[in-house]
């Protein structure tokens, strides 16, 4: 699951880091994975909110520009992966 989430987050590249290293978002991904493990039943809206909180915490509001539709789309992708496991 973590590898798949890493791929989703890296494809999204929310801070638009160039060039993007494979482990660039490692701490944020770890937090998201931990949260998913602790929250077995979660919907995409709650996950999207949590993802936004994580990126604001790590990068601040000046670097992380919140695009709610994109975050929700990313959360939906992650939820799909979680349900496939």
Protein backbone atom coordinates (compact mmCIF):
# COMPACT_ATOMS: atom_id res chain seq x y z
CA UNK A 1 0.00 0.00 0.00
CA UNK A 2 2.78 2.45 0.88
CA UNK A 3 4.44 2.06 -2.53
CA UNK A 4 1.16 2.74 -4.28
CA UNK A 5 0.46 5.80 -2.12
CA UNK A 6 3.98 7.04 -2.81
CA UNK A 7 3.33 6.77 -6.53
CA UNK A 8 0.03 8.68 -6.23
CA UNK A 9 1.57 11.46 -4.12
CA UNK A 10 4.63 11.72 -6.37
CA UNK A 11 2.43 11.92 -9.48
CA UNK A 12 0.45 14.68 -7.79
CA UNK A 13 3.63 16.44 -6.57
CA UNK A 14 1.68 18.94 -4.45
CA UNK A 15 4.62 21.24 -3.78
CA UNK A 16 5.74 21.03 -7.42
CA UNK A 17 9.28 20.04 -6.51
CA UNK A 18 11.56 19.75 -9.53
CA UNK A 19 13.39 17.49 -9.88
CA UNK A 20 11.33 15.23 -7.67
CA UNK A 21 13.22 12.57 -5.74
CA UNK A 22 11.46 9.24 -5.13
CA UNK A 23 11.48 9.78 -1.35
CA UNK A 24 10.77 13.52 -1.41
CA UNK A 25 7.43 13.16 0.37
CA UNK A 26 8.45 10.23 2.61
CA UNK A 27 7.51 11.81 6.00
CA UNK A 28 4.13 12.95 4.71
CA UNK A 29 3.40 9.56 3.15
CA UNK A 30 4.35 7.83 6.41
CA UNK A 31 1.83 10.00 8.28
CA UNK A 32 -0.90 9.25 5.73
CA UNK A 33 -0.23 5.49 5.86
CA UNK A 34 -0.23 5.50 9.68
CA UNK A 35 -3.50 7.41 9.71
CA UNK A 36 -5.08 4.97 7.27
CA UNK A 37 -4.01 2.02 9.42
CA UNK A 38 -5.55 3.62 12.52
CA UNK A 39 -8.72 4.67 10.68
CA UNK A 40 -10.03 1.50 9.07
CA UNK A 41 -13.29 3.01 7.86
CA UNK A 42 -12.60 6.34 6.26
CA UNK A 43 -14.19 8.22 3.41
CA UNK A 44 -12.40 10.27 0.79
CA UNK A 45 -13.51 13.60 2.30
CA UNK A 46 -11.98 12.84 5.70
CA UNK A 47 -8.83 11.53 4.06
CA UNK A 48 -8.59 14.63 1.86
CA UNK A 49 -8.86 16.83 4.95
CA UNK A 50 -6.12 14.87 6.67
CA UNK A 51 -3.85 15.00 3.59
CA UNK A 52 -4.28 18.78 3.50
CA UNK A 53 -3.43 19.05 7.20
CA UNK A 54 -0.29 16.95 6.74
CA UNK A 55 1.03 19.02 3.85
CA UNK A 56 0.25 22.30 5.59
CA UNK A 57 2.06 21.04 8.71
CA UNK A 58 5.17 20.03 6.78
CA UNK A 59 5.33 22.76 4.14
CA UNK A 60 3.19 25.61 5.43
CA UNK A 61 0.41 27.39 3.65
CA UNK A 62 2.85 29.46 1.59
CA UNK A 63 4.24 26.39 -0.23
CA UNK A 64 1.24 24.10 -0.21
CA UNK A 65 -1.50 25.70 -2.26
CA UNK A 66 -4.70 23.87 -1.45
CA UNK A 67 -6.61 22.64 -4.48
CA UNK A 68 -9.53 20.94 -2.78
CA UNK A 69 -10.71 19.14 -5.91
CA UNK A 70 -7.26 17.70 -6.58
CA UNK A 71 -6.78 16.65 -2.96
CA UNK A 72 -10.17 14.93 -3.04
CA UNK A 73 -9.20 13.16 -6.26
CA UNK A 74 -5.95 11.96 -4.69
CA UNK A 75 -7.84 10.79 -1.60
CA UNK A 76 -10.26 8.85 -3.78
CA UNK A 77 -7.35 7.12 -5.54
CA UNK A 78 -5.85 6.18 -2.18
CA UNK A 79 -9.18 4.92 -0.85
CA UNK A 80 -9.51 2.74 -3.96
CA UNK A 81 -6.08 1.22 -3.35
CA UNK A 82 -6.93 0.60 0.30
CA UNK A 83 -10.17 -1.16 -0.64
CA UNK A 84 -8.32 -3.36 -3.16
CA UNK A 85 -6.01 -4.72 -0.47
